[in-house]
Structures are given as structure tokens and as C-alpha cells.
Amino acid sequence: MINIRGLDHVVLRVRDLERAATFYIDVLGCRLEKRQDNLGLWQLRAGLSLIDLVSVDGRLGREGGAAPGQEGHNMDHLCVRVEPFEADDIRQHLSRHGVEVGETGSRYGAEGQGPSIYINDPDGNRVELKGPPDLPAG
């Protein structure tokens, strides 16, 4: 039997490593953990997990075919858990960075039903910012 403890990493193919890294570091608060420039790979720490950025022009990225775009994506979305989740503060922060913000909604995730917001990174990858689960009534 396999016992999964959590998400280890997500790999995103991107057109511009520096632009993508700036978004994930400056806007979402990740930190650069490791660069493997010979592969075209930057690994960013996101809590207990990693978000790996692979340049579509790099050694690894060329193996994946065409770059992400309007008609083709490399995935549907990635979800990162955010706490505290103050929707107004998050919206203001994203707005200051020129990020278009979707509606706040209640959605189901790994910890249960709770608030979340969808945004897009510079390559059009959809990112869900997920808050804590709603408290049970009563």
C-alpha cells in the first residue's frame, strides 16, 4: 500500500524563468531554494512543498513540446494553502502587483470546505489560493 503524506512538488513549464520566479516569490511569497541552470530549472519553496519552474527553452522544457498558451495548458491549476486568509488584504496585495483576481468562493480542498481565490500566473497557469476550512456549525 502507498501512503501519501502530501504534495511534494508541482512542475510548471514557463516561457520566462525570471518573470515566473518574480511572480511566485514577490507576489505569492515563495523563496528560491535551488537553481539548476544547466537544466533550465528553478525550484521554489512553497511551505512544505516545491514549485518547480522549467523554462520551455531549457533542456527539460524542450522535452515537453510547445509553450503554454491560450489554447494549451500544462495543467488545470495548482492550489496553495494560505493562512491567514483575509480576502480583502489578499485582493489588495494582488492588485498592487497588477494581478487580476477572480471571485472569492467556498470550495472543497484537502482540509475541507473553505474560501479560495483563483488567479493566473504570468504564463496563464491558474493558481488557487486556498484558505482554512470553514468551522463546523454549532
Protein backbone atom coordinates (compact mmCIF):
# COMPACT_ATOMS: atom_id res chain seq x y z
CA MET A 1 0.00 0.00 0.00
CA ILE A 2 1.12 3.55 -0.73
CA ASN A 3 0.59 6.17 1.98
CA ILE A 4 0.67 9.72 0.58
CA ARG A 5 1.60 12.39 3.13
CA GLY A 6 1.17 15.46 0.96
CA LEU A 7 2.19 17.26 -2.20
CA ASP A 8 5.95 17.18 -2.79
CA HIS A 9 6.19 19.46 -5.81
CA VAL A 10 4.45 20.77 -8.91
CA VAL A 11 6.36 21.42 -12.14
CA LEU A 12 5.30 24.33 -14.36
CA ARG A 13 6.67 24.90 -17.84
CA VAL A 14 7.14 28.66 -18.31
CA ARG A 15 8.27 30.99 -21.11
CA ASP A 16 10.41 33.26 -18.91
CA LEU A 17 12.01 31.86 -15.73
CA GLU A 18 12.80 35.24 -14.20
CA ARG A 19 9.30 36.64 -14.80
CA ALA A 20 7.67 33.49 -13.40
CA ALA A 21 10.02 33.40 -10.39
CA THR A 22 9.30 37.07 -9.66
CA PHE A 23 5.56 36.29 -9.56
CA TYR A 24 5.89 33.29 -7.26
CA ILE A 25 8.47 34.99 -5.00
CA ASP A 26 7.27 38.60 -4.85
CA VAL A 27 3.52 38.05 -5.19
CA LEU A 28 2.94 34.67 -3.53
CA GLY A 29 5.82 34.66 -1.04
CA CYS A 30 7.78 31.60 -2.19
CA ARG A 31 11.56 31.63 -1.93
CA LEU A 32 14.17 30.44 -4.38
CA GLU A 33 15.66 27.24 -3.00
CA LYS A 34 17.74 25.84 -5.84
CA ARG A 35 18.73 26.76 -9.39
CA GLN A 36 19.80 24.16 -11.91
CA ASP A 37 20.57 26.40 -14.85
CA ASN A 38 22.03 23.56 -16.94
CA LEU A 39 18.51 22.05 -16.95
CA GLY A 40 16.58 25.34 -17.14
CA LEU A 41 15.06 24.56 -13.71
CA TRP A 42 14.44 26.83 -10.70
CA GLN A 43 12.98 25.27 -7.57
CA LEU A 44 10.93 27.48 -5.26
CA ARG A 45 9.99 26.64 -1.68
CA ALA A 46 6.22 26.87 -1.04
CA GLY A 47 5.73 25.86 2.59
CA LEU A 48 6.48 22.14 2.84
CA SER A 49 6.33 21.71 -0.95
CA LEU A 50 8.18 22.95 -4.01
CA ILE A 51 7.02 24.70 -7.15
CA ASP A 52 9.49 23.87 -9.91
CA LEU A 53 9.72 26.28 -12.84
CA VAL A 54 11.08 24.80 -16.06
CA SER A 55 11.97 27.08 -18.97
CA VAL A 56 10.31 25.89 -22.20
CA ASP A 57 13.61 26.77 -23.92
CA GLY A 58 15.77 24.80 -21.46
CA ARG A 59 16.95 21.22 -21.59
CA LEU A 60 13.96 19.84 -19.65
CA GLY A 61 11.42 22.25 -21.12
CA ARG A 62 12.14 21.33 -24.73
CA GLU A 63 11.08 17.76 -23.92
CA GLY A 64 7.54 18.97 -23.17
CA GLY A 65 6.68 20.40 -26.59
CA ALA A 66 5.13 23.79 -27.26
CA ALA A 67 4.97 26.55 -24.65
CA PRO A 68 1.81 27.07 -22.59
CA GLY A 69 -0.67 29.46 -24.19
CA GLN A 70 -4.33 30.34 -24.64
CA GLU A 71 -5.14 27.10 -26.46
CA GLY A 72 -2.97 24.73 -24.49
CA HIS A 73 -2.02 24.49 -20.83
CA ASN A 74 0.30 22.21 -18.93
CA MET A 75 -2.28 21.62 -16.15
CA ASP A 76 -5.62 22.92 -14.93
CA HIS A 77 -4.39 24.62 -11.74
CA LEU A 78 -2.24 24.31 -8.66
CA CYS A 79 -3.57 25.10 -5.23
CA VAL A 80 -1.55 26.63 -2.40
CA ARG A 81 -2.84 26.83 1.16
CA VAL A 82 -2.80 30.39 2.55
CA GLU A 83 -3.09 31.37 6.20
CA PRO A 84 -4.19 33.77 7.40
CA PHE A 85 -6.79 34.09 4.65
CA GLU A 86 -8.01 37.68 4.72
CA ALA A 87 -9.69 38.03 1.33
CA ASP A 88 -9.63 41.84 1.23
CA ASP A 89 -5.94 42.01 2.18
CA ILE A 90 -5.07 39.32 -0.38
CA ARG A 91 -7.01 41.17 -3.10
CA GLN A 92 -5.26 44.46 -2.30
CA HIS A 93 -1.84 42.79 -2.35
CA LEU A 94 -2.52 41.12 -5.69
CA SER A 95 -3.93 44.33 -7.15
CA ARG A 96 -0.74 46.22 -6.18
CA HIS A 97 1.15 43.63 -8.25
CA GLY A 98 -1.19 44.04 -11.23
CA VAL A 99 -2.71 40.57 -10.80
CA GLU A 100 -6.32 40.12 -11.92
CA VAL A 101 -8.30 38.43 -9.15
CA GLY A 102 -11.27 36.11 -9.53
CA GLU A 103 -14.20 35.86 -7.15
CA THR A 104 -13.76 34.57 -3.64
CA GLY A 105 -15.75 31.36 -3.32
CA SER A 106 -16.17 28.46 -0.96
CA ARG A 107 -14.52 25.37 -2.44
CA TYR A 108 -13.54 21.93 -1.26
CA GLY A 109 -9.86 21.11 -0.74
CA ALA A 110 -7.58 18.77 1.18
CA GLU A 111 -8.70 20.13 4.55
CA GLY A 112 -12.38 20.53 3.70
CA GLN A 113 -14.70 23.29 2.51
CA GLY A 114 -13.33 26.81 2.75
CA PRO A 115 -12.63 30.10 0.98
CA SER A 116 -10.44 30.38 -2.09
CA ILE A 117 -9.49 32.78 -4.85
CA TYR A 118 -8.30 31.98 -8.38
CA ILE A 119 -5.59 33.98 -10.15
CA ASN A 120 -3.30 33.39 -13.15
CA ASP A 121 0.48 33.49 -13.16
CA PRO A 122 2.32 35.32 -15.99
CA ASP A 123 2.18 32.19 -18.20
CA GLY A 124 -1.56 31.73 -17.76
CA ASN A 125 -1.25 28.86 -15.25
CA ARG A 126 -4.21 29.04 -12.91
CA VAL A 127 -3.36 29.22 -9.20
CA GLU A 128 -5.88 28.73 -6.42
CA LEU A 129 -5.17 30.47 -3.11
CA LYS A 130 -6.95 28.30 -0.51
CA GLY A 131 -7.89 29.39 2.99
CA PRO A 132 -8.55 27.27 6.07
CA PRO A 133 -11.59 25.04 6.27
CA ASP A 134 -14.85 26.54 7.48
CA LEU A 135 -15.58 25.89 11.14
CA PRO A 136 -18.37 23.39 11.76
CA ALA A 137 -21.66 24.96 12.79
CA GLY A 138 -22.70 24.67 16.38
